[in-house]
Protein backbone atom coordinates (compact mmCIF):
# COMPACT_ATOMS: atom_id res chain seq x y z
CA MET A 1 53.99 -60.17 190.22
CA SER A 2 55.07 -56.43 191.45
CA TYR A 3 58.22 -55.93 192.94
CA ARG A 4 55.87 -54.19 195.89
CA LEU A 5 53.96 -57.54 196.41
CA LYS A 6 56.56 -59.21 196.10
CA LEU A 7 58.29 -57.27 198.90
CA ILE A 8 54.91 -57.95 201.43
CA PHE A 9 54.94 -61.43 200.71
CA SER A 10 58.95 -61.45 201.84
CA LEU A 11 58.29 -59.40 204.59
CA LEU A 12 55.45 -62.05 205.59
CA MET A 13 57.75 -65.15 204.74
CA ASP A 14 60.51 -64.09 207.16
CA ALA A 15 58.59 -63.64 209.59
CA VAL A 16 56.76 -66.75 209.64
CA LEU A 17 60.68 -68.41 209.76
CA LEU A 18 61.68 -66.31 212.42
CA LEU A 19 59.16 -67.51 214.73
CA SER A 20 59.41 -71.10 213.54
CA SER A 21 63.52 -71.38 213.85
CA PHE A 22 62.29 -70.03 217.41
CA ILE A 23 59.48 -72.11 218.40
CA PHE A 24 62.13 -75.50 217.37
CA THR A 25 64.92 -74.21 219.22
CA TYR A 26 62.23 -73.94 221.87
CA LEU A 27 61.15 -77.41 222.12
CA LEU A 28 64.69 -78.23 220.85
CA LEU A 29 66.55 -76.74 223.91
CA PRO A 30 63.75 -76.27 226.85
CA THR A 31 64.75 -73.16 228.99
CA SER A 32 63.38 -71.51 231.56
CA ILE A 33 61.99 -68.49 229.57
CA SER A 34 58.33 -67.14 229.95
CA TYR A 35 55.58 -66.52 227.71
CA ASN A 36 56.24 -62.48 227.85
CA GLN A 37 59.80 -62.83 227.53
CA ALA A 38 59.47 -65.14 224.59
CA ILE A 39 57.02 -62.29 223.09
CA ILE A 40 60.00 -59.77 223.54
CA PHE A 41 62.54 -62.01 222.28
CA TYR A 42 60.76 -62.40 219.05
CA SER A 43 59.82 -58.51 218.97
CA LEU A 44 62.75 -57.62 219.14
CA LEU A 45 64.56 -59.65 217.09
CA LEU A 46 62.14 -59.13 214.29
CA LEU A 47 62.50 -55.36 214.86
CA PHE A 48 66.38 -55.93 214.57
CA TYR A 49 65.91 -58.61 211.71
CA TYR A 50 64.04 -55.43 209.65
CA ILE A 51 66.54 -52.98 210.47
CA PHE A 52 69.53 -54.78 209.06
CA ALA A 53 67.94 -56.34 205.89
CA TYR A 54 66.56 -53.10 205.17
CA LYS A 55 70.44 -51.39 205.90
CA GLN A 56 71.96 -54.77 203.66
CA GLN A 57 69.43 -54.30 200.61
CA PHE A 58 68.48 -58.25 201.69
CA TYR A 59 64.66 -57.45 199.50
CA GLU A 60 66.70 -56.37 196.62
CA GLN A 61 69.00 -59.18 196.22
CA LEU A 62 68.61 -61.52 192.66
CA TRP A 63 68.25 -64.42 194.87
CA SER A 64 67.42 -66.46 191.49
CA TYR A 65 71.00 -66.38 191.20
CA ALA A 66 72.30 -66.77 194.48
CA SER A 67 76.27 -67.10 195.27
CA ILE A 68 78.81 -66.87 197.67
CA ARG A 69 78.17 -63.34 197.93
CA GLU A 70 74.12 -63.42 199.44
CA PHE A 71 75.53 -66.04 201.39
CA LEU A 72 78.10 -63.39 203.68
CA ILE A 73 75.01 -61.10 203.37
CA ILE A 74 72.63 -63.52 205.05
CA LEU A 75 75.49 -64.72 207.35
CA ARG A 76 76.06 -61.03 208.38
CA LEU A 77 71.83 -59.86 209.14
CA VAL A 78 71.72 -63.06 211.42
CA GLY A 79 75.37 -62.33 213.53
CA THR A 80 73.94 -58.58 213.78
CA THR A 81 70.78 -59.40 214.12
CA VAL A 82 70.72 -62.63 216.94
CA CYS A 83 73.62 -60.38 219.08
CA LEU A 84 71.66 -57.07 219.28
CA THR A 85 68.70 -58.82 220.18
CA MET A 86 70.36 -60.81 222.59
CA ILE A 87 72.49 -57.41 224.12
CA THR A 88 69.30 -55.39 224.59
CA TYR A 89 67.53 -58.73 225.62
CA TYR A 90 69.62 -58.72 228.26
CA MET A 91 69.74 -55.24 229.24
CA LEU A 92 65.43 -55.07 229.80
CA ILE A 93 64.67 -58.46 231.12
CA LYS A 94 68.35 -59.06 233.05
CA ALA A 95 68.39 -62.61 231.56
CA PHE A 96 71.75 -64.22 229.51
CA LEU A 97 70.21 -67.27 226.56
CA PRO A 98 73.84 -68.05 225.72
CA GLN A 99 73.53 -71.59 224.30
CA PHE A 100 69.95 -71.27 223.38
CA THR A 101 70.83 -68.02 221.57
CA ILE A 102 73.76 -69.60 219.78
CA ILE A 103 71.58 -72.93 218.01
CA TYR A 104 68.54 -70.41 217.77
CA SER A 105 71.45 -68.13 214.93
CA LEU A 106 72.35 -71.91 213.49
CA VAL A 107 68.96 -72.67 212.99
CA LEU A 108 67.80 -69.64 211.85
CA LEU A 109 70.75 -69.59 209.41
CA ILE A 110 70.41 -72.67 208.07
CA VAL A 111 66.19 -71.87 207.58
CA LEU A 112 66.50 -68.27 205.07
CA THR A 113 70.21 -69.41 203.16
CA GLY A 114 67.64 -72.60 202.10
CA SER A 115 64.47 -70.80 201.72
CA ARG A 116 67.03 -67.78 199.80
CA TYR A 117 68.49 -71.04 197.59
CA GLY A 118 65.72 -72.80 197.38
CA VAL A 119 65.15 -70.43 194.50
CA ARG A 120 68.53 -70.71 192.55
CA LEU A 121 67.74 -74.73 192.75
CA TYR A 122 64.07 -74.59 191.56
CA ARG A 123 65.31 -71.63 188.40
CA GLU A 124 67.84 -73.59 187.41
CA GLN A 125 66.06 -76.91 187.84
CA MET A 126 62.92 -74.94 185.56
CA GLN A 127 66.22 -74.47 182.83
CA GLU A 128 67.21 -78.04 182.43
CA LEU A 129 63.60 -79.40 182.29
CA ALA A 130 63.28 -76.26 179.61
CA MET A 131 66.53 -76.99 177.96
CA ASN A 132 65.53 -77.94 173.99
CA LYS A 133 62.17 -76.95 174.13
CA LYS A 134 60.80 -73.97 173.08
CA LYS A 135 59.24 -70.98 175.02
CA THR A 136 55.77 -70.93 174.07
CA LEU A 137 53.00 -68.68 174.63
CA ILE A 138 49.77 -69.65 175.15
CA ILE A 139 46.60 -67.43 173.50
CA GLY A 140 43.31 -67.72 175.81
CA ALA A 141 43.57 -68.24 180.19
CA GLY A 142 40.27 -69.69 180.06
CA SER A 143 40.21 -73.33 180.68
CA ALA A 144 41.78 -74.99 177.57
CA GLY A 145 44.47 -73.18 177.58
CA GLY A 146 44.94 -73.51 181.29
CA MET A 147 44.49 -77.36 180.82
CA LEU A 148 46.58 -77.37 177.73
CA ALA A 149 49.69 -75.28 179.98
CA LYS A 150 49.20 -78.15 182.65
CA GLN A 151 49.62 -80.89 180.19
CA LEU A 152 52.76 -78.51 178.57
CA MET A 153 54.80 -79.03 182.05
CA GLN A 154 53.90 -82.16 182.85
CA GLY A 155 56.06 -83.56 179.74
CA HIS A 156 56.11 -82.10 176.10
CA ASP A 157 59.12 -83.20 174.29
CA GLN A 158 59.27 -79.81 172.41
CA LEU A 159 57.67 -77.59 174.49
CA ILE A 160 57.39 -75.48 177.60
CA PRO A 161 54.71 -73.01 178.67
CA VAL A 162 55.89 -69.36 180.07
CA GLY A 163 52.89 -67.58 180.07
CA PHE A 164 49.45 -66.59 178.90
CA ILE A 165 48.04 -64.06 176.65
CA ASP A 166 44.52 -62.53 177.08
CA ASP A 167 42.35 -59.33 176.40
CA ASP A 168 40.01 -60.02 179.05
CA TYR A 169 41.52 -56.75 181.06
CA ARG A 170 39.83 -58.98 184.78
CA LYS A 171 43.05 -61.50 184.48
CA GLN A 172 45.77 -59.25 183.27
CA GLY A 173 48.57 -59.94 185.61
CA LEU A 174 46.70 -62.92 187.58
CA TYR A 175 47.79 -66.32 187.86
CA LEU A 176 46.94 -69.90 185.67
CA ALA A 177 48.32 -72.83 186.11
CA GLY A 178 51.25 -71.23 187.64
CA LEU A 179 51.49 -68.84 184.93
CA LYS A 180 51.34 -65.70 184.32
CA VAL A 181 48.57 -63.74 181.91
CA LEU A 182 51.51 -61.53 180.48
CA GLY A 183 49.18 -59.00 178.18
CA LYS A 184 47.17 -58.29 175.76
CA VAL A 185 46.55 -59.67 172.14
CA GLU A 186 47.53 -56.02 171.36
CA GLN A 187 50.87 -56.53 173.09
CA LEU A 188 51.81 -59.80 171.59
CA ARG A 189 54.75 -58.70 169.66
CA GLU A 190 56.44 -56.78 172.08
CA ILE A 191 55.88 -59.90 174.11
CA VAL A 192 57.19 -62.20 171.84
CA HIS A 193 60.36 -59.81 171.81
CA GLU A 194 61.27 -59.37 175.84
CA MET A 195 60.85 -63.13 176.56
CA ASP A 196 62.22 -64.53 173.69
CA ILE A 197 58.92 -66.71 172.60
CA GLU A 198 59.19 -69.28 170.47
CA HIS A 199 56.18 -70.98 170.27
CA LEU A 200 52.63 -69.72 170.42
CA ILE A 201 49.21 -71.62 170.80
CA ILE A 202 45.74 -70.31 170.07
CA ALA A 203 43.87 -72.38 173.21
CA ILE A 204 40.37 -70.86 172.60
CA PRO A 205 38.59 -73.45 171.04
CA SER A 206 35.50 -71.33 171.16
CA LEU A 207 36.71 -68.65 168.74
CA LYS A 208 35.04 -67.45 165.81
CA LYS A 209 36.36 -68.08 162.61
CA GLU A 210 36.49 -63.89 162.61
CA GLU A 211 38.48 -63.45 165.73
CA LEU A 212 40.32 -66.67 165.02
CA GLU A 213 41.71 -64.28 161.69
CA ILE A 214 41.95 -61.23 163.59
CA ILE A 215 44.75 -63.20 166.56
CA PHE A 216 46.12 -65.15 163.92
CA ASN A 217 46.69 -61.81 161.81
CA GLU A 218 48.78 -60.73 164.98
CA CYS A 219 50.55 -63.84 165.15
CA THR A 220 51.78 -63.69 162.00
CA LYS A 221 53.49 -60.21 162.73
CA THR A 222 55.77 -62.15 165.15
CA ASN A 223 57.26 -64.58 162.48
CA ILE A 224 56.91 -67.17 165.06
CA LYS A 225 55.44 -70.81 164.66
CA THR A 226 51.58 -70.22 165.42
CA GLN A 227 49.34 -73.63 165.98
CA THR A 228 45.81 -73.94 167.53
CA LEU A 229 43.64 -76.49 169.01
CA PRO A 230 40.48 -77.51 167.56
CA PHE A 231 36.74 -75.85 167.51
CA ILE A 232 35.14 -76.55 170.66
CA GLU A 233 32.92 -78.90 168.59
CA ASP A 234 36.39 -80.82 167.68
CA ILE A 235 36.89 -81.67 171.36
CA VAL A 236 34.72 -84.04 172.99
CA MET A 237 33.25 -83.91 176.54
CA GLY A 238 35.45 -80.38 177.39
CA GLU A 239 38.53 -82.45 177.36
CA VAL A 240 41.96 -80.91 175.96
CA LYS A 241 45.05 -82.71 175.08
CA VAL A 242 48.51 -81.80 174.04
CA ASN A 243 47.75 -83.51 170.87
CA HIS A 244 44.80 -82.34 169.64
CA ILE A 245 47.73 -78.87 168.75
CA ARG A 246 47.60 -79.07 164.90
CA ASP A 247 48.55 -75.72 162.74
CA VAL A 248 46.31 -73.08 161.89
CA LYS A 249 44.59 -74.24 158.31
CA VAL A 250 42.84 -71.71 156.10
CA GLU A 251 39.83 -73.50 156.73
CA ASP A 252 40.15 -72.21 159.93
CA LEU A 253 39.77 -68.34 158.37
CA LEU A 254 37.31 -68.27 155.78
CA GLY A 255 35.36 -66.09 157.84
CA ARG A 256 31.88 -68.19 158.35
CA GLU A 257 31.29 -70.38 161.15
CA PRO A 258 30.52 -74.17 159.46
CA ILE A 259 26.78 -74.99 159.48
CA LEU A 260 26.14 -78.23 161.54
CA LEU A 261 23.71 -80.62 160.05
CA GLU A 262 20.62 -83.29 161.29
CA ASP A 263 22.02 -86.65 162.55
CA ASN A 264 18.63 -88.39 162.60
CA SER A 265 16.87 -87.51 159.39
CA ILE A 266 20.31 -88.55 157.57
CA SER A 267 19.86 -91.88 159.68
CA GLU A 268 16.27 -92.70 158.60
CA TYR A 269 17.03 -93.40 155.43
CA ILE A 270 20.64 -94.76 155.50
CA ALA A 271 20.92 -97.11 158.17
CA ASN A 272 20.64 -100.72 157.09
CA GLN A 273 20.00 -99.46 153.24
CA THR A 274 22.56 -100.45 150.80
CA VAL A 275 24.01 -97.02 149.06
CA LEU A 276 25.63 -96.19 146.18
CA VAL A 277 28.15 -93.51 145.25
CA SER A 278 29.41 -92.71 141.85
CA GLY A 279 32.60 -91.15 141.68
CA ALA A 280 34.08 -92.85 145.10
CA GLY A 281 37.55 -92.30 144.67
CA GLY A 282 36.91 -88.34 144.60
CA SER A 283 37.43 -85.67 147.21
CA ILE A 284 33.63 -85.12 147.48
CA GLY A 285 32.34 -89.05 146.77
CA SER A 286 35.23 -90.24 149.03
CA GLU A 287 34.12 -87.72 152.12
CA ILE A 288 30.54 -88.68 151.61
CA CYS A 289 31.69 -92.53 151.77
CA ARG A 290 33.33 -91.86 155.22
CA GLN A 291 30.43 -89.38 156.52
CA ILE A 292 28.00 -92.35 155.05
CA LEU A 293 29.55 -94.85 157.24
CA ASN A 294 28.22 -93.25 160.28
CA PHE A 295 25.21 -93.77 159.08
CA SER A 296 25.61 -97.15 159.81
CA PRO A 297 24.45 -98.75 155.56
CA LYS A 298 24.02 -102.60 154.63
CA ARG A 299 25.81 -101.54 152.01
CA LEU A 300 28.33 -99.60 150.48
CA ILE A 301 28.56 -99.49 146.59
CA LEU A 302 32.18 -97.82 145.49
CA LEU A 303 32.09 -97.02 142.06
CA GLY A 304 34.59 -95.63 140.10
CA HIS A 305 36.44 -95.46 137.01
CA GLY A 306 39.69 -95.33 138.50
CA GLU A 307 40.82 -98.16 140.54
CA ASN A 308 43.90 -96.64 141.97
CA SER A 309 41.37 -94.12 143.75
CA ILE A 310 38.43 -96.77 144.57
CA TYR A 311 41.47 -99.12 146.10
CA SER A 312 42.95 -95.99 148.26
CA ILE A 313 39.23 -95.67 149.33
CA LEU A 314 38.12 -99.08 150.61
CA LEU A 315 41.18 -99.56 152.09
CA GLU A 316 40.81 -96.53 154.22
CA LEU A 317 37.17 -97.21 154.73
CA VAL A 318 37.86 -101.12 156.08
CA ASP A 319 40.01 -99.68 158.66
CA MET A 320 37.01 -97.67 160.47
CA LYS A 321 35.87 -101.05 161.38
CA SER A 322 32.67 -100.59 160.07
CA ASP A 323 29.78 -103.49 160.31
CA SER A 324 28.89 -102.26 156.58
CA GLU A 325 30.07 -104.46 153.94
CA LEU A 326 32.26 -102.93 151.39
CA ILE A 327 31.85 -103.39 147.58
CA PRO A 328 33.91 -101.56 145.53
CA VAL A 329 33.02 -101.61 141.79
CA ILE A 330 35.00 -100.32 138.24
CA ALA A 331 32.80 -98.75 136.01
CA ASP A 332 32.32 -96.06 134.36
CA ILE A 333 29.25 -94.17 134.40
CA GLN A 334 29.72 -93.27 130.21
CA ASP A 335 28.60 -97.18 129.96
CA LYS A 336 24.82 -97.11 129.65
CA GLU A 337 24.44 -101.42 130.46
CA ARG A 338 27.17 -101.57 132.89
CA MET A 339 24.60 -99.11 135.24
CA ILE A 340 22.71 -100.30 134.44
CA GLN A 341 23.63 -104.31 135.20
CA VAL A 342 25.10 -102.68 138.66
CA MET A 343 22.01 -100.81 140.01
CA LYS A 344 19.94 -104.33 139.10
CA LYS A 345 22.71 -106.95 140.77
CA TYR A 346 22.97 -104.24 144.14
CA GLN A 347 19.59 -102.78 144.07
CA PRO A 348 20.35 -99.72 145.95
CA ALA A 349 17.49 -97.56 147.78
CA VAL A 350 20.22 -94.33 147.78
CA VAL A 351 22.18 -92.87 144.75
CA TYR A 352 24.67 -90.44 145.67
CA HIS A 353 25.85 -89.61 142.03
CA ALA A 354 29.43 -87.20 142.44
CA ALA A 355 31.17 -88.53 139.88
CA ALA A 356 32.01 -85.34 137.08
CA HIS A 357 34.82 -83.53 135.53
CA LYS A 358 34.86 -80.67 137.44
CA HIS A 359 38.23 -78.65 136.18
CA VAL A 360 36.60 -75.61 134.36
CA PRO A 361 39.94 -74.39 132.06
CA LEU A 362 39.83 -78.57 130.87
CA MET A 363 36.47 -78.83 129.77
CA GLU A 364 36.93 -75.31 127.61
CA GLU A 365 39.54 -77.66 125.71
CA HIS A 366 37.58 -80.86 125.97
CA PRO A 367 33.49 -80.01 125.64
CA GLU A 368 33.10 -83.57 124.00
CA GLU A 369 34.37 -84.89 126.94
CA ALA A 370 32.12 -82.51 129.12
CA VAL A 371 28.80 -83.36 127.47
CA LYS A 372 30.16 -87.39 127.29
CA ASN A 373 30.47 -87.74 131.75
CA ASN A 374 28.50 -84.53 133.14
CA ILE A 375 25.41 -84.98 131.19
CA ILE A 376 24.95 -88.87 129.31
CA GLY A 377 27.06 -90.12 132.62
CA THR A 378 24.57 -88.24 134.71
CA ARG A 379 21.57 -89.56 132.11
CA ASN A 380 22.82 -93.30 132.12
CA MET A 381 22.80 -93.06 136.49
CA ALA A 382 19.68 -91.83 136.51
CA GLU A 383 17.64 -93.97 134.48
CA ALA A 384 19.81 -96.47 135.76
CA ALA A 385 18.37 -95.80 139.11
CA HIS A 386 14.80 -95.31 137.96
CA GLN A 387 14.79 -98.70 136.28
CA SER A 388 16.10 -100.16 139.55
CA GLN A 389 14.10 -98.42 141.68
CA VAL A 390 16.27 -96.70 144.19
CA ASN A 391 13.93 -94.80 146.57
CA VAL A 392 16.31 -91.21 146.45
CA PHE A 393 18.95 -90.12 143.65
CA VAL A 394 21.00 -87.24 144.27
CA MET A 395 23.26 -85.06 141.71
CA VAL A 396 26.00 -83.37 142.82
CA SER A 397 26.48 -80.29 141.37
CA THR A 398 28.15 -76.57 141.64
CA ASP A 399 27.21 -72.97 141.84
CA LYS A 400 29.01 -72.75 138.03
CA ALA A 401 25.67 -73.93 136.66
CA VAL A 402 24.05 -70.66 138.11
CA ASN A 403 24.07 -68.61 134.66
CA PRO A 404 27.19 -70.80 133.88
CA THR A 405 29.66 -68.96 131.85
CA SER A 406 32.10 -72.00 131.38
CA VAL A 407 31.19 -75.35 129.63
CA MET A 408 31.78 -77.18 133.03
CA GLY A 409 29.09 -74.80 134.27
CA SER A 410 26.41 -75.45 131.21
CA SER A 411 26.92 -79.38 131.30
CA LYS A 412 26.16 -79.57 135.42
CA ARG A 413 23.17 -76.85 134.46
CA LEU A 414 22.10 -79.57 131.82
CA ALA A 415 22.45 -82.25 133.20
CA GLU A 416 20.55 -80.74 136.61
CA MET A 417 17.38 -80.38 133.76
CA LEU A 418 18.14 -83.99 132.89
CA VAL A 419 17.84 -85.12 136.80
CA GLN A 420 15.01 -82.56 137.07
CA GLN A 421 13.13 -84.32 134.38
CA MET A 422 13.01 -87.64 135.33
CA ASN A 423 11.67 -87.17 138.82
CA LYS A 424 8.53 -85.91 136.91
CA VAL A 425 8.71 -89.72 135.18
CA SER A 426 9.35 -92.01 138.01
CA ALA A 427 8.66 -92.89 141.21
CA THR A 428 12.77 -92.38 142.60
CA ARG A 429 12.49 -88.92 144.38
CA PHE A 430 15.62 -87.06 142.29
CA VAL A 431 17.13 -83.99 143.81
CA ALA A 432 20.20 -81.76 142.67
CA VAL A 433 22.90 -80.30 145.77
CA ARG A 434 24.59 -77.01 144.43
CA PHE A 435 27.53 -75.35 146.78
CA GLY A 436 30.46 -73.59 145.90
CA ASN A 437 34.33 -74.41 146.27
CA VAL A 438 35.24 -76.87 148.25
CA LEU A 439 38.85 -76.79 149.82
CA GLY A 440 41.14 -79.11 149.51
CA SER A 441 39.47 -80.92 146.97
CA ARG A 442 41.39 -82.06 143.51
CA GLY A 443 39.95 -79.42 142.10
CA SER A 444 40.39 -76.59 144.42
CA VAL A 445 42.97 -73.88 144.26
CA ILE A 446 44.39 -74.81 147.63
CA PRO A 447 46.76 -77.94 146.48
CA LEU A 448 48.05 -76.02 143.34
CA PHE A 449 48.34 -72.94 145.44
CA LYS A 450 50.91 -74.70 148.10
CA LYS A 451 52.77 -76.15 145.44
CA GLN A 452 53.56 -73.08 143.87
CA ILE A 453 54.79 -71.73 147.42
CA GLU A 454 56.98 -75.51 147.76
CA LYS A 455 58.58 -74.24 144.94
CA GLY A 456 59.20 -71.15 146.12
CA GLY A 457 56.59 -68.51 144.16
CA PRO A 458 54.64 -67.36 142.80
CA ILE A 459 51.78 -67.81 143.43
CA THR A 460 49.45 -67.06 140.02
CA VAL A 461 45.66 -65.35 140.89
CA THR A 462 43.51 -64.39 137.98
CA HIS A 463 42.20 -61.53 138.94
CA PRO A 464 42.67 -59.02 142.58
CA ASP A 465 38.64 -58.85 142.48
CA MET A 466 37.93 -62.21 142.08
CA VAL A 467 35.36 -64.28 144.55
CA ARG A 468 34.46 -67.40 145.66
CA TYR A 469 32.29 -69.24 147.94
CA PHE A 470 34.21 -72.03 150.19
CA MET A 471 33.29 -74.60 152.41
CA THR A 472 34.68 -77.98 153.40
CA ILE A 473 35.03 -81.13 152.39
CA PRO A 474 33.46 -82.24 155.21
CA GLU A 475 30.33 -79.65 155.25
CA ALA A 476 29.67 -79.89 151.46
CA SER A 477 29.54 -83.82 151.89
CA ARG A 478 27.23 -83.29 154.84
CA LEU A 479 25.02 -80.82 153.11
CA VAL A 480 24.29 -84.01 150.18
CA LEU A 481 23.06 -86.45 152.96
CA GLN A 482 20.69 -83.64 154.56
CA ALA A 483 19.79 -83.48 150.98
CA GLY A 484 18.31 -86.95 150.29
CA ALA A 485 16.93 -86.60 154.12
CA LEU A 486 14.92 -83.27 153.19
CA ALA A 487 14.02 -84.62 149.36
CA LEU A 488 10.44 -84.61 148.27
CA GLY A 489 11.50 -84.91 144.60
CA GLY A 490 13.05 -81.86 142.10
CA GLU A 491 14.49 -79.94 144.48
CA ILE A 492 18.02 -77.81 143.81
CA PHE A 493 19.22 -77.24 147.07
CA ILE A 494 21.42 -74.60 148.30
CA LEU A 495 23.74 -73.84 150.70
CA ASP A 496 23.51 -70.39 152.76
CA MET A 497 27.34 -70.43 152.07
CA GLY A 498 27.69 -66.77 153.55
CA LYS A 499 30.04 -64.42 152.19
CA PRO A 500 32.24 -64.94 149.35
CA VAL A 501 36.23 -64.72 149.64
CA ARG A 502 38.18 -63.06 147.83
CA ILE A 503 41.08 -65.17 146.23
CA TYR A 504 43.22 -62.71 146.42
CA ASP A 505 42.69 -63.07 150.15
CA LEU A 506 43.02 -66.52 150.32
CA ALA A 507 46.49 -66.78 148.65
CA LYS A 508 47.63 -64.26 151.36
CA ASN A 509 46.51 -65.90 154.12
CA LEU A 510 47.74 -69.34 152.71
CA ILE A 511 51.39 -67.40 152.38
CA LYS A 512 50.94 -66.36 156.37
CA LEU A 513 50.28 -70.55 156.92
CA SER A 514 53.67 -71.58 155.33
CA GLY A 515 55.68 -69.22 157.33
CA TYR A 516 56.52 -66.65 154.19
CA THR A 517 55.65 -63.20 154.10
CA THR A 518 54.31 -61.89 150.41
CA GLN A 519 58.00 -60.46 150.33
CA GLU A 520 58.89 -63.88 150.05
CA ILE A 521 56.31 -65.30 148.04
CA SER A 522 54.70 -63.01 145.87
CA ILE A 523 51.12 -63.26 144.05
CA LYS A 524 51.19 -62.75 140.49
CA PHE A 525 47.81 -61.90 138.14
CA THR A 526 47.12 -63.82 135.23
CA GLY A 527 44.23 -62.82 133.83
CA ILE A 528 40.58 -64.18 133.87
CA ARG A 529 40.55 -67.54 131.72
CA GLN A 530 37.95 -68.21 129.16
CA GLY A 531 34.71 -69.00 130.63
CA GLU A 532 36.14 -68.15 134.15
CA LYS A 533 34.17 -65.20 136.73
CA LEU A 534 34.75 -63.04 138.26
CA PHE A 535 32.00 -63.80 140.89
CA GLU A 536 29.55 -66.74 140.94
CA GLU A 537 25.60 -67.39 142.53
CA LEU A 538 24.06 -70.05 144.05
CA LEU A 539 20.92 -69.07 141.77
CA ASN A 540 19.34 -67.24 138.87
CA LYS A 541 16.84 -64.77 139.34
CA GLU A 542 13.83 -67.56 137.88
CA GLU A 543 15.24 -69.82 140.73
CA MET A 544 15.34 -67.01 143.82
CA GLY A 545 12.96 -68.69 146.37
CA ASP A 546 12.99 -67.23 149.83
CA GLN A 547 11.82 -70.97 151.13
CA GLN A 548 14.36 -71.76 154.15
CA ILE A 549 13.54 -75.89 154.08
CA TYR A 550 16.56 -76.22 156.98
CA PRO A 551 18.59 -73.86 159.03
CA HIS A 552 20.89 -72.98 156.26
CA ILE A 553 19.10 -74.65 153.67
CA TYR A 554 17.17 -72.98 150.59
CA ILE A 555 14.96 -74.18 148.02
CA GLY A 556 15.53 -73.18 144.40
CA LYS A 557 12.30 -72.46 142.31
CA SER A 558 12.27 -75.25 138.92
CA ALA A 559 12.92 -73.76 136.33
CA THR A 560 12.17 -74.23 132.50
CA LEU A 561 13.49 -77.59 131.25
CA TYR A 562 14.74 -77.81 127.86
CA ILE A 563 15.10 -81.93 127.20
CA GLU A 564 14.10 -82.34 124.14
CA GLU A 565 17.34 -79.42 123.05
CA ILE A 566 19.22 -81.47 125.24
CA GLU A 567 18.73 -84.51 123.81
CA SER A 568 19.14 -83.05 120.11
CA LEU A 569 22.75 -81.68 121.84
CA ILE A 570 23.79 -85.47 122.41
CA ASP A 571 22.86 -86.47 119.51
CA LEU A 572 25.09 -83.40 117.23
CA TYR A 573 28.09 -83.38 119.83
CA PRO A 574 30.35 -86.20 118.14
CA VAL A 575 29.75 -84.48 114.62
CA ILE A 576 30.70 -80.80 115.05
CA SER A 577 33.20 -78.61 116.37
CA LYS A 578 34.66 -77.65 119.87
CA GLU A 579 33.55 -74.47 119.19
CA GLU A 580 29.95 -74.64 118.19
CA LEU A 581 30.20 -77.79 120.82
CA ARG A 582 30.80 -74.90 123.19
CA GLU A 583 28.02 -72.54 121.99
CA ARG A 584 25.70 -74.55 121.62
CA LEU A 585 26.24 -75.75 124.99
CA LEU A 586 26.50 -71.85 126.79
CA THR A 587 23.55 -71.12 124.99
CA LEU A 588 21.45 -73.67 125.97
CA ALA A 589 22.16 -73.70 129.64
CA ASN A 590 21.29 -69.33 129.31
CA ARG A 591 18.54 -69.83 127.72
CA LYS A 592 15.28 -67.77 129.32
CA GLU A 593 12.90 -67.34 126.39
CA THR A 594 9.06 -67.58 126.29
CA PRO A 595 7.40 -71.16 125.44
CA GLU A 596 7.02 -69.79 121.55
CA LYS A 597 10.73 -68.60 121.61
CA GLN A 598 11.86 -71.88 122.97
CA GLN A 599 10.37 -74.19 120.36
CA GLU A 600 11.94 -71.79 117.52
CA VAL A 601 15.19 -72.20 119.29
CA ALA A 602 14.87 -75.98 119.94
CA ASN A 603 14.13 -76.68 115.78
CA MET A 604 17.19 -74.05 115.08
CA LEU A 605 19.41 -76.47 117.39
CA SER A 606 18.37 -80.14 115.96
CA LEU A 607 19.74 -78.82 112.42
CA SER A 608 22.41 -80.30 111.16
């Protein structure tokens, strides 16, 4: 509040205090004073009060720090005002009111002292309340910010709100929940310095990610811990609670809005059905399991090779208290007979095949394992699903399968071909789903970057211009479920993943989120590793299609399938060198020849 507004408020408040004191004294000690005489007395009183208040600089005192000196100022002000009023009143009216004047002086002294020292008591009370609490600035003076401020003031253990920041010019200088809007985001550093702010909370759930990144970048310049409220879709019924406050996560800064998928169509083919998930203990497979339980399947089969990861996800799903029966199965997808046995026993209606080797550099070193797990394992799962008359089979694939330069990407591309071929001969609807890198998955760069930051750096990035598509684990998993609902058979579903993200920018954001600067945690460029590309694609030219069958979901056109060549490769892989196996994988996965040329190469590949 400006000084001018404070002065006007104080003048009006004192006028009311003088009048209320006069009325109280009159009721306490009735006199023969008439109505007109009372008006004259009060007018004189108010006039002298304002004159002497001005002379003694009464309205320029800092009453939040009032002491005995300020009490003496009030005592002199009341004494001189009442004495001169009484003398002037006697001269005009020829009436003397000694008893009334004495009582009124005491009442006025008590009222004025109480009103001024109350400010000091309030300040001291607030200081005591805020002791050991961090002064917090809330960014966003909207409904969410207001509700958050009220809850923090009602007794948060660590934080005390002191004001708001908002870019809306109409809100500048106004008050929300008793706290002032102190300025705009561009003034953040200055306000933080002036008010000794210790904590920042971004309370604008409707922010787009690009806007959040801009605000967060300003927050990082203050070197103060910054937290946020979840996005609006995560806050049910507009309710904002203190326990919603969380750290800003790197996925918040991706610059792409999360894509929400359609629940009803997913529920139609999952509800009351038996569903099997391979690789159920992995980051993608486990999230698929969590999402599936929301659609009330009759049974959920958790299939995986690692007993610890399967047991872990089983315990987590049990805690969700679903009515669905949960069945853990320890099995290896490379064991064809075991897959057939499991499928025949449980008769799943839907299969999500998420089990795979996904680490690019490791598969370059061990191409035979990529063939065994990604190609043969997928074939085993597909054939078992066909024999058990599964309704829908969804294979989880990757953008690295497009024009692959790595063993891992090549193995996934050939696995896609096997799934598409199986769709041609089976009543089961076989489809594949491609998406980019998944934040937080075991193969993601994020866990690696976090470990490097914990060790004090440096963060290792292969190339400053390397870009990747990114999505969150829940979003990737829901895409897999949506693909099953849309499946007619033989499709490759692709999510419109927006703009790719530079790994270098991702590393810088993660450093900021960890509370460091790029001077404290450096970034080291190590060079592109074997099999890696500067950028990934979701479709190659032969698969390009502009058909959007669902918001943000596309179908790639069917490409040529080299099934005989894949079978020949499967027969040969145990007896050829790693280098030759790698070359054959890349050659076959990237073939784009005419049918005549295809046959010629097939003959070549079949030679031992």
